[in-house]
mmCIF file of all heavy atoms, coordinates in Angstrom:
data_MODEL
# 
_entry.id   MODEL 
# 
loop_
_atom_site.group_PDB 
_atom_site.id 
_atom_site.type_symbol 
_atom_site.label_atom_id 
_atom_site.label_alt_id 
_atom_site.label_comp_id 
_atom_site.label_asym_id 
_atom_site.label_entity_id 
_atom_site.label_seq_id 
_atom_site.pdbx_PDB_ins_code 
_atom_site.Cartn_x 
_atom_site.Cartn_y 
_atom_site.Cartn_z 
_atom_site.occupancy 
_atom_site.B_iso_or_equiv 
_atom_site.pdbx_formal_charge 
_atom_site.auth_seq_id 
_atom_site.auth_comp_id 
_atom_site.auth_asym_id 
_atom_site.auth_atom_id 
_atom_site.pdbx_PDB_model_num 
ATOM 1   N N   . ASP A 1 1  ? 90.555 237.461 180.834 1.00 0.00 ? 1  ASP A N   1 
ATOM 2   C CA  . ASP A 1 1  ? 90.266 236.030 180.888 1.00 0.00 ? 1  ASP A CA  1 
ATOM 3   C C   . ASP A 1 1  ? 90.440 235.627 182.340 1.00 0.00 ? 1  ASP A C   1 
ATOM 4   O O   . ASP A 1 1  ? 91.552 235.596 182.848 1.00 0.00 ? 1  ASP A O   1 
ATOM 5   C CB  . ASP A 1 1  ? 91.237 235.273 179.977 1.00 0.00 ? 1  ASP A CB  1 
ATOM 6   C CG  . ASP A 1 1  ? 90.912 233.795 179.872 1.00 0.00 ? 1  ASP A CG  1 
ATOM 7   O OD1 . ASP A 1 1  ? 90.114 233.292 180.679 1.00 0.00 ? 1  ASP A OD1 1 
ATOM 8   O OD2 . ASP A 1 1  ? 91.483 233.148 178.983 1.00 0.00 ? 1  ASP A OD2 1 
ATOM 9   N N   . SER A 1 2  ? 89.350 235.374 183.028 1.00 0.00 ? 2  SER A N   1 
ATOM 10  C CA  . SER A 1 2  ? 89.378 235.088 184.458 1.00 0.00 ? 2  SER A CA  1 
ATOM 11  C C   . SER A 1 2  ? 88.952 233.645 184.711 1.00 0.00 ? 2  SER A C   1 
ATOM 12  O O   . SER A 1 2  ? 87.902 233.211 184.256 1.00 0.00 ? 2  SER A O   1 
ATOM 13  C CB  . SER A 1 2  ? 88.436 236.048 185.188 1.00 0.00 ? 2  SER A CB  1 
ATOM 14  O OG  . SER A 1 2  ? 88.357 235.734 186.546 1.00 0.00 ? 2  SER A OG  1 
ATOM 15  N N   . LEU A 1 3  ? 89.789 232.924 185.444 1.00 0.00 ? 3  LEU A N   1 
ATOM 16  C CA  . LEU A 1 3  ? 89.494 231.535 185.793 1.00 0.00 ? 3  LEU A CA  1 
ATOM 17  C C   . LEU A 1 3  ? 89.393 231.447 187.305 1.00 0.00 ? 3  LEU A C   1 
ATOM 18  O O   . LEU A 1 3  ? 90.342 231.735 188.023 1.00 0.00 ? 3  LEU A O   1 
ATOM 19  C CB  . LEU A 1 3  ? 90.596 230.611 185.271 1.00 0.00 ? 3  LEU A CB  1 
ATOM 20  C CG  . LEU A 1 3  ? 90.389 229.123 185.461 1.00 0.00 ? 3  LEU A CG  1 
ATOM 21  C CD1 . LEU A 1 3  ? 89.134 228.663 184.730 1.00 0.00 ? 3  LEU A CD1 1 
ATOM 22  C CD2 . LEU A 1 3  ? 91.601 228.365 184.942 1.00 0.00 ? 3  LEU A CD2 1 
ATOM 23  N N   . GLU A 1 4  ? 88.207 231.091 187.794 1.00 0.00 ? 4  GLU A N   1 
ATOM 24  C CA  . GLU A 1 4  ? 87.979 230.959 189.226 1.00 0.00 ? 4  GLU A CA  1 
ATOM 25  C C   . GLU A 1 4  ? 87.373 229.595 189.478 1.00 0.00 ? 4  GLU A C   1 
ATOM 26  O O   . GLU A 1 4  ? 86.216 229.345 189.126 1.00 0.00 ? 4  GLU A O   1 
ATOM 27  C CB  . GLU A 1 4  ? 87.052 232.078 189.710 1.00 0.00 ? 4  GLU A CB  1 
ATOM 28  C CG  . GLU A 1 4  ? 86.982 232.180 191.219 1.00 0.00 ? 4  GLU A CG  1 
ATOM 29  C CD  . GLU A 1 4  ? 86.223 233.415 191.643 1.00 0.00 ? 4  GLU A CD  1 
ATOM 30  O OE1 . GLU A 1 4  ? 86.482 234.493 191.103 1.00 0.00 ? 4  GLU A OE1 1 
ATOM 31  O OE2 . GLU A 1 4  ? 85.355 233.262 192.519 1.00 0.00 ? 4  GLU A OE2 1 
ATOM 32  N N   . GLY A 1 5  ? 88.166 228.685 190.052 1.00 0.00 ? 5  GLY A N   1 
ATOM 33  C CA  . GLY A 1 5  ? 87.707 227.310 190.214 1.00 0.00 ? 5  GLY A CA  1 
ATOM 34  C C   . GLY A 1 5  ? 87.520 226.682 188.852 1.00 0.00 ? 5  GLY A C   1 
ATOM 35  O O   . GLY A 1 5  ? 88.428 226.655 188.037 1.00 0.00 ? 5  GLY A O   1 
ATOM 36  N N   . ARG A 1 6  ? 86.316 226.201 188.592 1.00 0.00 ? 6  ARG A N   1 
ATOM 37  C CA  . ARG A 1 6  ? 86.013 225.616 187.277 1.00 0.00 ? 6  ARG A CA  1 
ATOM 38  C C   . ARG A 1 6  ? 85.235 226.577 186.391 1.00 0.00 ? 6  ARG A C   1 
ATOM 39  O O   . ARG A 1 6  ? 84.802 226.225 185.308 1.00 0.00 ? 6  ARG A O   1 
ATOM 40  C CB  . ARG A 1 6  ? 85.218 224.332 187.478 1.00 0.00 ? 6  ARG A CB  1 
ATOM 41  C CG  . ARG A 1 6  ? 86.047 223.269 188.217 1.00 0.00 ? 6  ARG A CG  1 
ATOM 42  C CD  . ARG A 1 6  ? 85.314 221.993 188.334 1.00 0.00 ? 6  ARG A CD  1 
ATOM 43  N NE  . ARG A 1 6  ? 85.185 221.402 187.003 1.00 0.00 ? 6  ARG A NE  1 
ATOM 44  C CZ  . ARG A 1 6  ? 84.557 220.285 186.758 1.00 0.00 ? 6  ARG A CZ  1 
ATOM 45  N NH1 . ARG A 1 6  ? 83.989 219.626 187.737 1.00 0.00 ? 6  ARG A NH1 1 
ATOM 46  N NH2 . ARG A 1 6  ? 84.483 219.817 185.531 1.00 0.00 ? 6  ARG A NH2 1 
ATOM 47  N N   . SER A 1 7  ? 85.068 227.805 186.873 1.00 0.00 ? 7  SER A N   1 
ATOM 48  C CA  . SER A 1 7  ? 84.316 228.808 186.140 1.00 0.00 ? 7  SER A CA  1 
ATOM 49  C C   . SER A 1 7  ? 85.272 229.755 185.413 1.00 0.00 ? 7  SER A C   1 
ATOM 50  O O   . SER A 1 7  ? 86.197 230.301 186.006 1.00 0.00 ? 7  SER A O   1 
ATOM 51  C CB  . SER A 1 7  ? 83.444 229.608 187.109 1.00 0.00 ? 7  SER A CB  1 
ATOM 52  O OG  . SER A 1 7  ? 82.768 230.619 186.448 1.00 0.00 ? 7  SER A OG  1 
ATOM 53  N N   . ARG A 1 8  ? 85.036 229.960 184.135 1.00 0.00 ? 8  ARG A N   1 
ATOM 54  C CA  . ARG A 1 8  ? 85.877 230.845 183.330 1.00 0.00 ? 8  ARG A CA  1 
ATOM 55  C C   . ARG A 1 8  ? 85.019 231.973 182.762 1.00 0.00 ? 8  ARG A C   1 
ATOM 56  O O   . ARG A 1 8  ? 83.926 231.743 182.256 1.00 0.00 ? 8  ARG A O   1 
ATOM 57  C CB  . ARG A 1 8  ? 86.517 230.069 182.192 1.00 0.00 ? 8  ARG A CB  1 
ATOM 58  C CG  . ARG A 1 8  ? 87.478 230.878 181.398 1.00 0.00 ? 8  ARG A CG  1 
ATOM 59  C CD  . ARG A 1 8  ? 88.182 230.016 180.392 1.00 0.00 ? 8  ARG A CD  1 
ATOM 60  N NE  . ARG A 1 8  ? 89.338 230.715 179.863 1.00 0.00 ? 8  ARG A NE  1 
ATOM 61  C CZ  . ARG A 1 8  ? 90.228 230.142 179.109 1.00 0.00 ? 8  ARG A CZ  1 
ATOM 62  N NH1 . ARG A 1 8  ? 90.125 228.875 178.788 1.00 0.00 ? 8  ARG A NH1 1 
ATOM 63  N NH2 . ARG A 1 8  ? 91.236 230.842 178.658 1.00 0.00 ? 8  ARG A NH2 1 
ATOM 64  N N   . GLU A 1 9  ? 85.546 233.192 182.839 1.00 0.00 ? 9  GLU A N   1 
ATOM 65  C CA  . GLU A 1 9  ? 84.850 234.362 182.316 1.00 0.00 ? 9  GLU A CA  1 
ATOM 66  C C   . GLU A 1 9  ? 85.793 235.105 181.373 1.00 0.00 ? 9  GLU A C   1 
ATOM 67  O O   . GLU A 1 9  ? 86.944 235.380 181.713 1.00 0.00 ? 9  GLU A O   1 
ATOM 68  C CB  . GLU A 1 9  ? 84.430 235.285 183.459 1.00 0.00 ? 9  GLU A CB  1 
ATOM 69  C CG  . GLU A 1 9  ? 83.653 236.480 183.025 1.00 0.00 ? 9  GLU A CG  1 
ATOM 70  C CD  . GLU A 1 9  ? 83.223 237.363 184.194 1.00 0.00 ? 9  GLU A CD  1 
ATOM 71  O OE1 . GLU A 1 9  ? 83.565 237.078 185.342 1.00 0.00 ? 9  GLU A OE1 1 
ATOM 72  O OE2 . GLU A 1 9  ? 82.538 238.355 183.921 1.00 0.00 ? 9  GLU A OE2 1 
ATOM 73  N N   . ILE A 1 10 ? 85.315 235.418 180.180 1.00 0.00 ? 10 ILE A N   1 
ATOM 74  C CA  . ILE A 1 10 ? 86.078 236.171 179.198 1.00 0.00 ? 10 ILE A CA  1 
ATOM 75  C C   . ILE A 1 10 ? 85.247 237.394 178.832 1.00 0.00 ? 10 ILE A C   1 
ATOM 76  O O   . ILE A 1 10 ? 84.042 237.289 178.612 1.00 0.00 ? 10 ILE A O   1 
ATOM 77  C CB  . ILE A 1 10 ? 86.356 235.324 177.936 1.00 0.00 ? 10 ILE A CB  1 
ATOM 78  C CG1 . ILE A 1 10 ? 87.174 234.097 178.321 1.00 0.00 ? 10 ILE A CG1 1 
ATOM 79  C CG2 . ILE A 1 10 ? 87.071 236.151 176.878 1.00 0.00 ? 10 ILE A CG2 1 
ATOM 80  C CD1 . ILE A 1 10 ? 87.324 233.086 177.210 1.00 0.00 ? 10 ILE A CD1 1 
ATOM 81  N N   . GLY A 1 11 ? 85.874 238.557 178.783 1.00 0.00 ? 11 GLY A N   1 
ATOM 82  C CA  . GLY A 1 11 ? 85.120 239.761 178.473 1.00 0.00 ? 11 GLY A CA  1 
ATOM 83  C C   . GLY A 1 11 ? 85.982 240.871 177.930 1.00 0.00 ? 11 GLY A C   1 
ATOM 84  O O   . GLY A 1 11 ? 87.211 240.760 177.882 1.00 0.00 ? 11 GLY A O   1 
ATOM 85  N N   . PHE A 1 12 ? 85.345 241.945 177.518 1.00 0.00 ? 12 PHE A N   1 
ATOM 86  C CA  . PHE A 1 12 ? 86.016 243.106 176.955 1.00 0.00 ? 12 PHE A CA  1 
ATOM 87  C C   . PHE A 1 12 ? 85.640 244.350 177.739 1.00 0.00 ? 12 PHE A C   1 
ATOM 88  O O   . PHE A 1 12 ? 84.552 244.438 178.292 1.00 0.00 ? 12 PHE A O   1 
ATOM 89  C CB  . PHE A 1 12 ? 85.624 243.286 175.482 1.00 0.00 ? 12 PHE A CB  1 
ATOM 90  C CG  . PHE A 1 12 ? 86.094 242.151 174.620 1.00 0.00 ? 12 PHE A CG  1 
ATOM 91  C CD1 . PHE A 1 12 ? 85.283 241.059 174.397 1.00 0.00 ? 12 PHE A CD1 1 
ATOM 92  C CD2 . PHE A 1 12 ? 87.353 242.186 174.059 1.00 0.00 ? 12 PHE A CD2 1 
ATOM 93  C CE1 . PHE A 1 12 ? 85.720 240.007 173.607 1.00 0.00 ? 12 PHE A CE1 1 
ATOM 94  C CE2 . PHE A 1 12 ? 87.794 241.146 173.277 1.00 0.00 ? 12 PHE A CE2 1 
ATOM 95  C CZ  . PHE A 1 12 ? 86.981 240.050 173.047 1.00 0.00 ? 12 PHE A CZ  1 
ATOM 96  N N   . PHE A 1 13 ? 86.546 245.322 177.760 1.00 0.00 ? 13 PHE A N   1 
ATOM 97  C CA  . PHE A 1 13 ? 86.285 246.598 178.413 1.00 0.00 ? 13 PHE A CA  1 
ATOM 98  C C   . PHE A 1 13 ? 87.082 247.673 177.699 1.00 0.00 ? 13 PHE A C   1 
ATOM 99  O O   . PHE A 1 13 ? 88.054 247.393 177.001 1.00 0.00 ? 13 PHE A O   1 
ATOM 100 C CB  . PHE A 1 13 ? 86.615 246.538 179.901 1.00 0.00 ? 13 PHE A CB  1 
ATOM 101 C CG  . PHE A 1 13 ? 88.053 246.197 180.223 1.00 0.00 ? 13 PHE A CG  1 
ATOM 102 C CD1 . PHE A 1 13 ? 88.946 247.192 180.573 1.00 0.00 ? 13 PHE A CD1 1 
ATOM 103 C CD2 . PHE A 1 13 ? 88.497 244.890 180.192 1.00 0.00 ? 13 PHE A CD2 1 
ATOM 104 C CE1 . PHE A 1 13 ? 90.262 246.890 180.880 1.00 0.00 ? 13 PHE A CE1 1 
ATOM 105 C CE2 . PHE A 1 13 ? 89.806 244.570 180.501 1.00 0.00 ? 13 PHE A CE2 1 
ATOM 106 C CZ  . PHE A 1 13 ? 90.694 245.571 180.848 1.00 0.00 ? 13 PHE A CZ  1 
ATOM 107 N N   . ASP A 1 14 ? 86.654 248.938 177.855 1.00 0.00 ? 14 ASP A N   1 
ATOM 108 C CA  . ASP A 1 14 ? 87.336 250.034 177.177 1.00 0.00 ? 14 ASP A CA  1 
ATOM 109 C C   . ASP A 1 14 ? 87.864 251.093 178.131 1.00 0.00 ? 14 ASP A C   1 
ATOM 110 O O   . ASP A 1 14 ? 88.517 252.040 177.709 1.00 0.00 ? 14 ASP A O   1 
ATOM 111 C CB  . ASP A 1 14 ? 86.416 250.675 176.143 1.00 0.00 ? 14 ASP A CB  1 
ATOM 112 C CG  . ASP A 1 14 ? 85.122 251.199 176.729 1.00 0.00 ? 14 ASP A CG  1 
ATOM 113 O OD1 . ASP A 1 14 ? 84.806 250.882 177.891 1.00 0.00 ? 14 ASP A OD1 1 
ATOM 114 O OD2 . ASP A 1 14 ? 84.411 251.930 176.024 1.00 0.00 ? 14 ASP A OD2 1 
ATOM 115 N N   . CYS A 1 15 ? 87.612 250.907 179.429 1.00 0.00 ? 15 CYS A N   1 
ATOM 116 C CA  . CYS A 1 15 ? 88.047 251.892 180.423 1.00 0.00 ? 15 CYS A CA  1 
ATOM 117 C C   . CYS A 1 15 ? 88.490 251.187 181.698 1.00 0.00 ? 15 CYS A C   1 
ATOM 118 O O   . CYS A 1 15 ? 88.219 249.998 181.899 1.00 0.00 ? 15 CYS A O   1 
ATOM 119 C CB  . CYS A 1 15 ? 86.903 252.839 180.783 1.00 0.00 ? 15 CYS A CB  1 
ATOM 120 S SG  . CYS A 1 15 ? 86.308 253.847 179.420 1.00 0.00 ? 15 CYS A SG  1 
ATOM 121 N N   . ILE A 1 16 ? 89.142 251.960 182.542 1.00 0.00 ? 16 ILE A N   1 
ATOM 122 C CA  . ILE A 1 16 ? 89.467 251.521 183.895 1.00 0.00 ? 16 ILE A CA  1 
ATOM 123 C C   . ILE A 1 16 ? 88.808 252.503 184.844 1.00 0.00 ? 16 ILE A C   1 
ATOM 124 O O   . ILE A 1 16 ? 88.899 253.716 184.652 1.00 0.00 ? 16 ILE A O   1 
ATOM 125 C CB  . ILE A 1 16 ? 90.983 251.476 184.118 1.00 0.00 ? 16 ILE A CB  1 
ATOM 126 C CG1 . ILE A 1 16 ? 91.576 250.325 183.319 1.00 0.00 ? 16 ILE A CG1 1 
ATOM 127 C CG2 . ILE A 1 16 ? 91.317 251.352 185.592 1.00 0.00 ? 16 ILE A CG2 1 
ATOM 128 C CD1 . ILE A 1 16 ? 93.056 250.189 183.437 1.00 0.00 ? 16 ILE A CD1 1 
ATOM 129 N N   . GLU A 1 17 ? 88.132 251.960 185.850 1.00 0.00 ? 17 GLU A N   1 
ATOM 130 C CA  . GLU A 1 17 ? 87.509 252.793 186.875 1.00 0.00 ? 17 GLU A CA  1 
ATOM 131 C C   . GLU A 1 17 ? 88.325 252.647 188.143 1.00 0.00 ? 17 GLU A C   1 
ATOM 132 O O   . GLU A 1 17 ? 88.642 251.533 188.563 1.00 0.00 ? 17 GLU A O   1 
ATOM 133 C CB  . GLU A 1 17 ? 86.070 252.336 187.127 1.00 0.00 ? 17 GLU A CB  1 
ATOM 134 C CG  . GLU A 1 17 ? 85.400 253.102 188.242 1.00 0.00 ? 17 GLU A CG  1 
ATOM 135 C CD  . GLU A 1 17 ? 84.080 252.486 188.685 1.00 0.00 ? 17 GLU A CD  1 
ATOM 136 O OE1 . GLU A 1 17 ? 83.821 251.320 188.370 1.00 0.00 ? 17 GLU A OE1 1 
ATOM 137 O OE2 . GLU A 1 17 ? 83.326 253.196 189.357 1.00 0.00 ? 17 GLU A OE2 1 
ATOM 138 N N   . LEU A 1 18 ? 88.685 253.769 188.749 1.00 0.00 ? 18 LEU A N   1 
ATOM 139 C CA  . LEU A 1 18 ? 89.395 253.751 190.026 1.00 0.00 ? 18 LEU A CA  1 
ATOM 140 C C   . LEU A 1 18 ? 88.448 254.185 191.130 1.00 0.00 ? 18 LEU A C   1 
ATOM 141 O O   . LEU A 1 18 ? 87.861 255.261 191.072 1.00 0.00 ? 18 LEU A O   1 
ATOM 142 C CB  . LEU A 1 18 ? 90.599 254.690 189.983 1.00 0.00 ? 18 LEU A CB  1 
ATOM 143 C CG  . LEU A 1 18 ? 91.704 254.323 189.008 1.00 0.00 ? 18 LEU A CG  1 
ATOM 144 C CD1 . LEU A 1 18 ? 92.808 255.373 189.052 1.00 0.00 ? 18 LEU A CD1 1 
ATOM 145 C CD2 . LEU A 1 18 ? 92.256 252.949 189.298 1.00 0.00 ? 18 LEU A CD2 1 
ATOM 146 N N   . VAL A 1 19 ? 88.286 253.316 192.112 1.00 0.00 ? 19 VAL A N   1 
ATOM 147 C CA  . VAL A 1 19 ? 87.488 253.616 193.293 1.00 0.00 ? 19 VAL A CA  1 
ATOM 148 C C   . VAL A 1 19 ? 88.432 253.472 194.470 1.00 0.00 ? 19 VAL A C   1 
ATOM 149 O O   . VAL A 1 19 ? 88.805 252.359 194.838 1.00 0.00 ? 19 VAL A O   1 
ATOM 150 C CB  . VAL A 1 19 ? 86.280 252.660 193.427 1.00 0.00 ? 19 VAL A CB  1 
ATOM 151 C CG1 . VAL A 1 19 ? 85.483 252.985 194.672 1.00 0.00 ? 19 VAL A CG1 1 
ATOM 152 C CG2 . VAL A 1 19 ? 85.408 252.719 192.189 1.00 0.00 ? 19 VAL A CG2 1 
ATOM 153 N N   . GLY A 1 20 ? 88.843 254.600 195.036 1.00 0.00 ? 20 GLY A N   1 
ATOM 154 C CA  . GLY A 1 20 ? 89.895 254.568 196.051 1.00 0.00 ? 20 GLY A CA  1 
ATOM 155 C C   . GLY A 1 20 ? 91.177 254.084 195.390 1.00 0.00 ? 20 GLY A C   1 
ATOM 156 O O   . GLY A 1 20 ? 91.610 254.633 194.385 1.00 0.00 ? 20 GLY A O   1 
ATOM 157 N N   . SER A 1 21 ? 91.755 253.010 195.898 1.00 0.00 ? 21 SER A N   1 
ATOM 158 C CA  . SER A 1 21 ? 92.965 252.460 195.286 1.00 0.00 ? 21 SER A CA  1 
ATOM 159 C C   . SER A 1 21 ? 92.682 251.176 194.516 1.00 0.00 ? 21 SER A C   1 
ATOM 160 O O   . SER A 1 21 ? 93.596 250.483 194.088 1.00 0.00 ? 21 SER A O   1 
ATOM 161 C CB  . SER A 1 21 ? 94.022 252.199 196.362 1.00 0.00 ? 21 SER A CB  1 
ATOM 162 O OG  . SER A 1 21 ? 93.558 251.194 197.249 1.00 0.00 ? 21 SER A OG  1 
ATOM 163 N N   . THR A 1 22 ? 91.398 250.846 194.317 1.00 0.00 ? 22 THR A N   1 
ATOM 164 C CA  . THR A 1 22 ? 91.023 249.629 193.598 1.00 0.00 ? 22 THR A CA  1 
ATOM 165 C C   . THR A 1 22 ? 90.685 249.958 192.151 1.00 0.00 ? 22 THR A C   1 
ATOM 166 O O   . THR A 1 22 ? 89.955 250.904 191.874 1.00 0.00 ? 22 THR A O   1 
ATOM 167 C CB  . THR A 1 22 ? 89.813 248.956 194.276 1.00 0.00 ? 22 THR A CB  1 
ATOM 168 O OG1 . THR A 1 22 ? 90.126 248.723 195.654 1.00 0.00 ? 22 THR A OG1 1 
ATOM 169 C CG2 . THR A 1 22 ? 89.488 247.634 193.620 1.00 0.00 ? 22 THR A CG2 1 
ATOM 170 N N   . ALA A 1 23 ? 91.242 249.150 191.228 1.00 0.00 ? 23 ALA A N   1 
ATOM 171 C CA  . ALA A 1 23 ? 91.006 249.357 189.791 1.00 0.00 ? 23 ALA A CA  1 
ATOM 172 C C   . ALA A 1 23 ? 90.068 248.281 189.265 1.00 0.00 ? 23 ALA A C   1 
ATOM 173 O O   . ALA A 1 23 ? 90.223 247.087 189.584 1.00 0.00 ? 23 ALA A O   1 
ATOM 174 C CB  . ALA A 1 23 ? 92.326 249.308 189.031 1.00 0.00 ? 23 ALA A CB  1 
ATOM 175 N N   . TYR A 1 24 ? 89.085 248.697 188.477 1.00 0.00 ? 24 TYR A N   1 
ATOM 176 C CA  . TYR A 1 24 ? 88.110 247.796 187.875 1.00 0.00 ? 24 TYR A CA  1 
ATOM 177 C C   . TYR A 1 24 ? 88.114 247.952 186.358 1.00 0.00 ? 24 TYR A C   1 
ATOM 178 O O   . TYR A 1 24 ? 88.308 249.056 185.846 1.00 0.00 ? 24 TYR A O   1 
ATOM 179 C CB  . TYR A 1 24 ? 86.687 248.116 188.367 1.00 0.00 ? 24 TYR A CB  1 
ATOM 180 C CG  . TYR A 1 24 ? 86.481 247.930 189.837 1.00 0.00 ? 24 TYR A CG  1 
ATOM 181 C CD1 . TYR A 1 24 ? 86.671 248.987 190.723 1.00 0.00 ? 24 TYR A CD1 1 
ATOM 182 C CD2 . TYR A 1 24 ? 86.092 246.705 190.358 1.00 0.00 ? 24 TYR A CD2 1 
ATOM 183 C CE1 . TYR A 1 24 ? 86.477 248.830 192.079 1.00 0.00 ? 24 TYR A CE1 1 
ATOM 184 C CE2 . TYR A 1 24 ? 85.899 246.536 191.719 1.00 0.00 ? 24 TYR A CE2 1 
ATOM 185 C CZ  . TYR A 1 24 ? 86.092 247.601 192.574 1.00 0.00 ? 24 TYR A CZ  1 
ATOM 186 O OH  . TYR A 1 24 ? 85.908 247.437 193.920 1.00 0.00 ? 24 TYR A OH  1 
ATOM 187 N N   . ALA A 1 25 ? 87.878 246.855 185.641 1.00 0.00 ? 25 ALA A N   1 
ATOM 188 C CA  . ALA A 1 25 ? 87.595 246.933 184.212 1.00 0.00 ? 25 ALA A CA  1 
ATOM 189 C C   . ALA A 1 25 ? 86.210 247.565 184.105 1.00 0.00 ? 25 ALA A C   1 
ATOM 190 O O   . ALA A 1 25 ? 85.310 247.240 184.881 1.00 0.00 ? 25 ALA A O   1 
ATOM 191 C CB  . ALA A 1 25 ? 87.611 245.548 183.593 1.00 0.00 ? 25 ALA A CB  1 
ATOM 192 N N   . PHE A 1 26 ? 86.016 248.474 183.147 1.00 0.00 ? 26 PHE A N   1 
ATOM 193 C CA  . PHE A 1 26 ? 84.783 249.255 183.067 1.00 0.00 ? 26 PHE A CA  1 
ATOM 194 C C   . PHE A 1 26 ? 84.363 249.396 181.615 1.00 0.00 ? 26 PHE A C   1 
ATOM 195 O O   . PHE A 1 26 ? 85.198 249.648 180.742 1.00 0.00 ? 26 PHE A O   1 
ATOM 196 C CB  . PHE A 1 26 ? 85.029 250.651 183.682 1.00 0.00 ? 26 PHE A CB  1 
ATOM 197 C CG  . PHE A 1 26 ? 83.805 251.475 183.880 1.00 0.00 ? 26 PHE A CG  1 
ATOM 198 C CD1 . PHE A 1 26 ? 82.965 251.264 184.954 1.00 0.00 ? 26 PHE A CD1 1 
ATOM 199 C CD2 . PHE A 1 26 ? 83.497 252.501 183.000 1.00 0.00 ? 26 PHE A CD2 1 
ATOM 200 C CE1 . PHE A 1 26 ? 81.834 252.050 185.155 1.00 0.00 ? 26 PHE A CE1 1 
ATOM 201 C CE2 . PHE A 1 26 ? 82.377 253.305 183.182 1.00 0.00 ? 26 PHE A CE2 1 
ATOM 202 C CZ  . PHE A 1 26 ? 81.543 253.067 184.262 1.00 0.00 ? 26 PHE A CZ  1 
# 
């Protein structure tokens, strides 16, 4: 559940992707 300013994003993921030391929902 991500809130950025007045914009809200809700989503689902089943994995984590690691690119270098950065982690992403995947």
